[in-house]
């Protein structure tokens, strides 16, 4: 085998390792760290998009309260992430809305929009 071809194959495998394998391993370790640090009272979101609060643990499952009356059992590996209260966006205050929004939008409609309907129904 040609030495330059061997070098090209080694470089290609090195590139694939740094682009695909290494980031995937990093994501897996971060996910494992997040799952091992779960505590009762943490607000979570599942991989299916269900939000709730952890109310207890079973072997490989987590009890999640999604409303005060409903508690579901979710596989621990199905937890997508922990919601931190600092990450939630603040609701905008009403005073920040511009006053220009009170003007009617119908006044901005072009007058030519009704002409197309009139020309279809007129007789020649």
N, C-alpha and C. Protein backbone atom coordinates (compact mmCIF):
# COMPACT_ATOMS: atom_id res chain seq x y z
N UNK A 1 0.84 -1.17 0.00
CA UNK A 1 0.00 0.00 0.00
C UNK A 1 0.89 1.25 0.00
N UNK A 2 0.47 2.22 -0.70
CA UNK A 2 1.19 3.47 -0.84
C UNK A 2 1.20 4.21 0.51
N UNK A 3 2.35 4.74 0.95
CA UNK A 3 2.42 5.44 2.25
C UNK A 3 1.51 6.67 2.30
N UNK A 4 1.32 7.36 1.19
CA UNK A 4 0.46 8.56 1.21
C UNK A 4 -1.01 8.15 1.36
N UNK A 5 -1.40 7.01 0.81
CA UNK A 5 -2.77 6.53 0.97
C UNK A 5 -3.02 6.12 2.42
N UNK A 6 -2.03 5.48 3.03
CA UNK A 6 -2.15 5.09 4.44
C UNK A 6 -2.27 6.33 5.33
N UNK A 7 -1.49 7.34 5.03
CA UNK A 7 -1.55 8.59 5.78
C UNK A 7 -2.92 9.24 5.63
N UNK A 8 -3.47 9.22 4.42
CA UNK A 8 -4.79 9.80 4.17
C UNK A 8 -5.87 9.07 4.97
N UNK A 9 -5.79 7.74 5.05
CA UNK A 9 -6.77 6.97 5.82
C UNK A 9 -6.65 7.29 7.31
N UNK A 10 -5.45 7.42 7.82
CA UNK A 10 -5.25 7.75 9.23
C UNK A 10 -5.80 9.14 9.54
N UNK A 11 -5.55 10.09 8.66
CA UNK A 11 -6.07 11.45 8.86
C UNK A 11 -7.60 11.45 8.82
N UNK A 12 -8.20 10.67 7.91
CA UNK A 12 -9.66 10.61 7.81
C UNK A 12 -10.26 10.03 9.09
N UNK A 13 -9.68 8.95 9.63
CA UNK A 13 -10.18 8.39 10.89
C UNK A 13 -9.98 9.35 12.05
N UNK A 14 -8.88 10.06 12.07
CA UNK A 14 -8.66 11.06 13.12
C UNK A 14 -9.69 12.17 13.05
N UNK A 15 -10.00 12.62 11.85
CA UNK A 15 -11.00 13.67 11.66
C UNK A 15 -12.37 13.19 12.15
N UNK A 16 -12.76 11.97 11.76
CA UNK A 16 -14.05 11.43 12.19
C UNK A 16 -14.11 11.28 13.71
N UNK A 17 -13.02 10.89 14.32
CA UNK A 17 -13.00 10.76 15.77
C UNK A 17 -13.26 12.10 16.44
N UNK A 18 -12.56 13.15 16.00
CA UNK A 18 -12.71 14.45 16.65
C UNK A 18 -14.03 15.13 16.31
N UNK A 19 -14.64 14.79 15.18
CA UNK A 19 -15.90 15.44 14.78
C UNK A 19 -17.12 14.68 15.30
N UNK A 20 -17.06 13.34 15.33
CA UNK A 20 -18.24 12.57 15.70
C UNK A 20 -18.14 11.88 17.06
N UNK A 21 -17.09 11.16 17.31
CA UNK A 21 -17.02 10.31 18.49
C UNK A 21 -16.81 11.12 19.77
N UNK A 22 -15.88 12.01 19.77
CA UNK A 22 -15.57 12.77 20.98
C UNK A 22 -16.74 13.63 21.48
N UNK A 23 -17.41 14.40 20.61
CA UNK A 23 -18.56 15.18 21.10
C UNK A 23 -19.70 14.29 21.62
N UNK A 24 -19.91 13.14 20.98
CA UNK A 24 -20.96 12.24 21.46
C UNK A 24 -20.65 11.71 22.85
N UNK A 25 -19.40 11.35 23.10
CA UNK A 25 -19.01 10.88 24.43
C UNK A 25 -19.19 11.98 25.47
N UNK A 26 -18.87 13.21 25.09
CA UNK A 26 -19.03 14.33 26.01
C UNK A 26 -20.49 14.54 26.37
N UNK A 27 -21.39 14.45 25.37
CA UNK A 27 -22.82 14.59 25.64
C UNK A 27 -23.32 13.46 26.54
N UNK A 28 -22.84 12.24 26.32
CA UNK A 28 -23.26 11.12 27.15
C UNK A 28 -22.82 11.30 28.60
N UNK A 29 -21.60 11.77 28.83
CA UNK A 29 -21.15 11.97 30.20
C UNK A 29 -21.92 13.10 30.88
N UNK A 30 -22.26 14.17 30.13
CA UNK A 30 -23.06 15.25 30.70
C UNK A 30 -24.46 14.76 31.06
N UNK A 31 -25.05 13.92 30.20
CA UNK A 31 -26.38 13.37 30.47
C UNK A 31 -26.34 12.48 31.71
N UNK A 32 -25.33 11.63 31.83
CA UNK A 32 -25.19 10.77 33.01
C UNK A 32 -25.01 11.59 34.28
N UNK A 33 -24.23 12.66 34.20
CA UNK A 33 -24.01 13.52 35.36
C UNK A 33 -25.32 14.19 35.77
N UNK A 34 -26.12 14.64 34.79
CA UNK A 34 -27.38 15.29 35.08
C UNK A 34 -28.34 14.28 35.73
N UNK A 35 -28.41 13.05 35.20
CA UNK A 35 -29.32 12.05 35.73
C UNK A 35 -28.92 11.62 37.15
N UNK A 36 -27.63 11.57 37.43
CA UNK A 36 -27.20 11.16 38.76
C UNK A 36 -27.38 12.27 39.80
N UNK A 37 -27.52 13.52 39.37
CA UNK A 37 -27.67 14.62 40.31
C UNK A 37 -29.13 15.01 40.55
N UNK A 38 -30.08 14.23 40.02
CA UNK A 38 -31.50 14.56 40.22
C UNK A 38 -31.88 14.43 41.69
N UNK A 39 -32.74 15.35 42.14
CA UNK A 39 -33.21 15.35 43.52
C UNK A 39 -34.71 15.58 43.54
N UNK A 40 -35.35 15.21 44.63
CA UNK A 40 -36.77 15.50 44.78
C UNK A 40 -36.97 17.01 44.77
N UNK A 41 -38.01 17.44 44.08
CA UNK A 41 -38.31 18.87 44.00
C UNK A 41 -37.75 19.53 42.75
N UNK A 42 -36.85 18.86 42.02
CA UNK A 42 -36.32 19.42 40.77
C UNK A 42 -37.42 19.47 39.72
N UNK A 43 -37.46 20.56 38.98
CA UNK A 43 -38.39 20.64 37.86
C UNK A 43 -37.66 20.12 36.63
N UNK A 44 -38.34 19.21 35.91
CA UNK A 44 -37.70 18.55 34.77
C UNK A 44 -38.60 18.63 33.55
N UNK A 45 -38.02 18.31 32.41
CA UNK A 45 -38.78 18.11 31.18
C UNK A 45 -38.34 16.76 30.62
N UNK A 46 -39.32 15.96 30.21
CA UNK A 46 -38.99 14.65 29.67
C UNK A 46 -38.64 14.77 28.19
N UNK A 47 -38.13 13.69 27.62
CA UNK A 47 -37.80 13.69 26.20
C UNK A 47 -39.06 13.86 25.36
N UNK A 48 -40.22 13.50 25.91
CA UNK A 48 -41.49 13.66 25.21
C UNK A 48 -42.10 15.04 25.37
N UNK A 49 -41.47 15.91 26.16
CA UNK A 49 -41.94 17.28 26.31
C UNK A 49 -42.88 17.50 27.48
N UNK A 50 -42.94 16.58 28.42
CA UNK A 50 -43.81 16.73 29.59
C UNK A 50 -43.01 17.41 30.70
N UNK A 51 -43.57 18.48 31.25
CA UNK A 51 -42.94 19.21 32.34
C UNK A 51 -43.52 18.74 33.65
N UNK A 52 -42.69 18.65 34.67
CA UNK A 52 -43.18 18.25 35.98
C UNK A 52 -42.12 18.41 37.05
N UNK A 53 -42.49 18.01 38.25
CA UNK A 53 -41.60 18.11 39.41
C UNK A 53 -41.36 16.71 39.95
N UNK A 54 -40.12 16.40 40.27
CA UNK A 54 -39.78 15.08 40.80
C UNK A 54 -40.34 14.97 42.21
N UNK A 55 -41.13 13.90 42.43
CA UNK A 55 -41.71 13.69 43.75
C UNK A 55 -41.16 12.44 44.42
N UNK A 56 -40.40 11.63 43.71
CA UNK A 56 -39.83 10.44 44.32
C UNK A 56 -39.05 9.62 43.31
N UNK A 57 -38.38 8.58 43.82
CA UNK A 57 -37.56 7.73 42.98
C UNK A 57 -37.93 6.28 43.21
N UNK A 58 -37.87 5.49 42.16
CA UNK A 58 -37.94 4.04 42.24
C UNK A 58 -36.68 3.55 41.54
N UNK A 59 -36.46 2.27 41.42
CA UNK A 59 -35.20 1.74 40.90
C UNK A 59 -34.66 2.52 39.70
N UNK A 60 -35.19 2.29 38.53
CA UNK A 60 -34.74 3.01 37.33
C UNK A 60 -35.77 4.02 36.87
N UNK A 61 -36.75 4.30 37.70
CA UNK A 61 -37.83 5.21 37.35
C UNK A 61 -37.86 6.40 38.29
N UNK A 62 -38.53 7.44 37.83
CA UNK A 62 -38.70 8.66 38.61
C UNK A 62 -40.19 8.96 38.67
N UNK A 63 -40.69 9.31 39.83
CA UNK A 63 -42.08 9.73 39.97
C UNK A 63 -42.13 11.23 39.73
N UNK A 64 -42.94 11.62 38.76
CA UNK A 64 -43.02 13.03 38.36
C UNK A 64 -44.45 13.51 38.56
N UNK A 65 -44.60 14.60 39.29
CA UNK A 65 -45.91 15.22 39.51
C UNK A 65 -46.10 16.27 38.42
N UNK A 66 -47.10 16.03 37.54
CA UNK A 66 -47.33 16.98 36.46
C UNK A 66 -48.45 17.96 36.79
N UNK A 67 -49.33 17.58 37.69
CA UNK A 67 -50.31 18.48 38.28
C UNK A 67 -50.45 18.07 39.74
N UNK A 68 -51.09 18.86 40.59
CA UNK A 68 -51.22 18.46 41.99
C UNK A 68 -51.93 17.11 42.18
N UNK A 69 -52.80 16.73 41.23
CA UNK A 69 -53.54 15.49 41.36
C UNK A 69 -52.92 14.32 40.60
N UNK A 70 -51.99 14.58 39.67
CA UNK A 70 -51.49 13.52 38.79
C UNK A 70 -49.99 13.34 38.97
N UNK A 71 -49.62 12.09 39.22
CA UNK A 71 -48.22 11.72 39.35
C UNK A 71 -47.97 10.56 38.39
N UNK A 72 -46.94 10.67 37.56
CA UNK A 72 -46.64 9.62 36.59
C UNK A 72 -45.26 9.04 36.87
N UNK A 73 -45.07 7.82 36.43
CA UNK A 73 -43.77 7.15 36.56
C UNK A 73 -43.07 7.25 35.22
N UNK A 74 -41.86 7.78 35.22
CA UNK A 74 -41.10 8.02 34.00
C UNK A 74 -39.75 7.32 34.13
N UNK A 75 -39.31 6.69 33.05
CA UNK A 75 -37.98 6.09 33.05
C UNK A 75 -36.94 7.19 33.23
N UNK A 76 -35.98 6.92 34.07
CA UNK A 76 -34.95 7.92 34.37
C UNK A 76 -34.23 8.38 33.09
N UNK A 77 -33.98 7.46 32.17
CA UNK A 77 -33.26 7.81 30.94
C UNK A 77 -34.11 8.66 29.99
N UNK A 78 -35.43 8.78 30.26
CA UNK A 78 -36.31 9.58 29.42
C UNK A 78 -36.37 11.04 29.86
N UNK A 79 -35.61 11.40 30.89
CA UNK A 79 -35.59 12.79 31.33
C UNK A 79 -34.66 13.57 30.42
N UNK A 80 -35.21 14.61 29.80
CA UNK A 80 -34.44 15.39 28.84
C UNK A 80 -33.59 16.46 29.48
N UNK A 81 -34.02 17.00 30.60
CA UNK A 81 -33.23 18.04 31.24
C UNK A 81 -33.89 18.56 32.49
N UNK A 82 -33.10 19.27 33.26
CA UNK A 82 -33.57 19.91 34.49
C UNK A 82 -33.81 21.38 34.17
N UNK A 83 -34.94 21.89 34.62
CA UNK A 83 -35.28 23.29 34.36
C UNK A 83 -34.85 24.10 35.56
N UNK A 84 -34.00 25.07 35.31
CA UNK A 84 -33.55 25.97 36.38
C UNK A 84 -34.41 27.22 36.33
N UNK A 85 -34.83 27.68 37.45
CA UNK A 85 -35.72 28.85 37.49
C UNK A 85 -35.06 30.09 36.90
N UNK A 86 -33.76 30.19 36.95
CA UNK A 86 -33.07 31.35 36.38
C UNK A 86 -33.12 31.34 34.86
N UNK A 87 -33.33 30.15 34.25
CA UNK A 87 -33.38 30.04 32.80
C UNK A 87 -34.71 30.46 32.21
N UNK A 88 -35.76 30.51 33.04
CA UNK A 88 -37.08 30.85 32.53
C UNK A 88 -37.12 32.32 32.17
N UNK A 89 -37.72 32.66 31.02
CA UNK A 89 -37.79 34.07 30.63
C UNK A 89 -38.80 34.81 31.50
N UNK A 90 -38.47 36.06 31.77
CA UNK A 90 -39.38 36.89 32.56
C UNK A 90 -40.50 37.38 31.67
N UNK A 91 -41.69 37.51 32.25
CA UNK A 91 -42.82 38.00 31.47
C UNK A 91 -42.67 39.50 31.28
N UNK A 92 -42.94 39.99 30.06
CA UNK A 92 -42.79 41.43 29.80
C UNK A 92 -43.85 42.23 30.55
N UNK A 93 -43.45 43.42 30.94
CA UNK A 93 -44.38 44.31 31.64
C UNK A 93 -45.26 45.00 30.62
N UNK A 94 -46.47 45.37 31.03
CA UNK A 94 -47.42 45.99 30.11
C UNK A 94 -46.99 47.39 29.71
N UNK A 95 -46.23 48.08 30.54
CA UNK A 95 -45.82 49.45 30.25
C UNK A 95 -44.82 49.51 29.10
N UNK A 96 -44.18 48.41 28.77
CA UNK A 96 -43.17 48.41 27.72
C UNK A 96 -43.75 48.32 26.32
N UNK A 97 -45.07 48.06 26.20
CA UNK A 97 -45.69 47.95 24.89
C UNK A 97 -45.77 49.33 24.24
N UNK A 98 -45.50 49.43 22.95
CA UNK A 98 -45.59 50.72 22.28
C UNK A 98 -47.05 51.16 22.13
N UNK A 99 -47.26 52.47 22.15
CA UNK A 99 -48.61 53.00 22.05
C UNK A 99 -49.13 52.96 20.62
N UNK A 100 -48.25 52.78 19.63
CA UNK A 100 -48.65 52.77 18.23
C UNK A 100 -49.51 51.55 17.90
N UNK A 101 -49.49 50.54 18.72
CA UNK A 101 -50.25 49.32 18.46
C UNK A 101 -51.76 49.55 18.58
N UNK A 102 -52.17 50.66 19.21
CA UNK A 102 -53.59 50.93 19.40
C UNK A 102 -54.26 51.42 18.12
N UNK A 103 -53.48 51.87 17.12
CA UNK A 103 -54.07 52.36 15.88
C UNK A 103 -54.65 51.21 15.08
N UNK A 104 -55.77 51.42 14.40
CA UNK A 104 -56.37 50.33 13.63
C UNK A 104 -55.49 49.95 12.43
N UNK A 105 -55.40 48.66 12.18
CA UNK A 105 -54.58 48.16 11.08
C UNK A 105 -55.32 48.22 9.76
N UNK A 106 -56.62 48.34 9.77
CA UNK A 106 -57.42 48.36 8.55
C UNK A 106 -57.12 49.59 7.72
N UNK A 107 -56.70 50.68 8.33
CA UNK A 107 -56.40 51.90 7.60
C UNK A 107 -55.19 51.73 6.70
N UNK A 108 -54.33 50.79 7.01
CA UNK A 108 -53.14 50.57 6.21
C UNK A 108 -53.40 49.68 5.00
N UNK A 109 -54.59 49.12 4.85
CA UNK A 109 -54.91 48.22 3.75
C UNK A 109 -54.98 49.02 2.45
N UNK A 110 -54.36 48.53 1.39
CA UNK A 110 -54.41 49.28 0.13
C UNK A 110 -55.82 49.27 -0.46
N UNK A 111 -56.16 50.37 -1.16
CA UNK A 111 -57.49 50.52 -1.71
C UNK A 111 -57.72 49.64 -2.92
N UNK A 112 -56.66 49.19 -3.61
CA UNK A 112 -56.79 48.40 -4.82
C UNK A 112 -57.23 46.96 -4.56
N UNK A 113 -57.29 46.52 -3.33
CA UNK A 113 -57.61 45.13 -3.03
C UNK A 113 -59.05 44.78 -3.41
N UNK A 114 -59.97 45.75 -3.43
CA UNK A 114 -61.36 45.47 -3.76
C UNK A 114 -61.60 45.50 -5.27
N UNK A 115 -60.72 46.10 -6.03
CA UNK A 115 -60.90 46.22 -7.48
C UNK A 115 -60.86 44.87 -8.17
N UNK A 116 -60.09 43.92 -7.67
CA UNK A 116 -59.97 42.63 -8.34
C UNK A 116 -61.29 41.87 -8.27
N UNK A 117 -62.04 42.01 -7.19
CA UNK A 117 -63.32 41.32 -7.09
C UNK A 117 -64.36 41.99 -7.98
N UNK A 118 -64.32 43.31 -8.12
CA UNK A 118 -65.28 44.03 -8.94
C UNK A 118 -65.12 43.68 -10.41
N UNK A 119 -63.88 43.50 -10.89
CA UNK A 119 -63.65 43.23 -12.30
C UNK A 119 -64.09 41.81 -12.68
N UNK A 120 -64.13 40.90 -11.74
CA UNK A 120 -64.55 39.53 -12.04
C UNK A 120 -66.05 39.43 -12.23
N UNK A 121 -66.82 40.27 -11.56
CA UNK A 121 -68.27 40.16 -11.59
C UNK A 121 -68.95 41.14 -12.55
N UNK A 122 -68.21 41.97 -13.21
CA UNK A 122 -68.81 42.93 -14.15
C UNK A 122 -68.98 42.28 -15.49
N UNK A 123 -70.05 42.65 -16.16
CA UNK A 123 -70.31 42.13 -17.50
C UNK A 123 -69.66 43.02 -18.52
N UNK A 124 -69.15 42.45 -19.62
CA UNK A 124 -68.47 43.28 -20.65
C UNK A 124 -69.41 44.14 -21.43
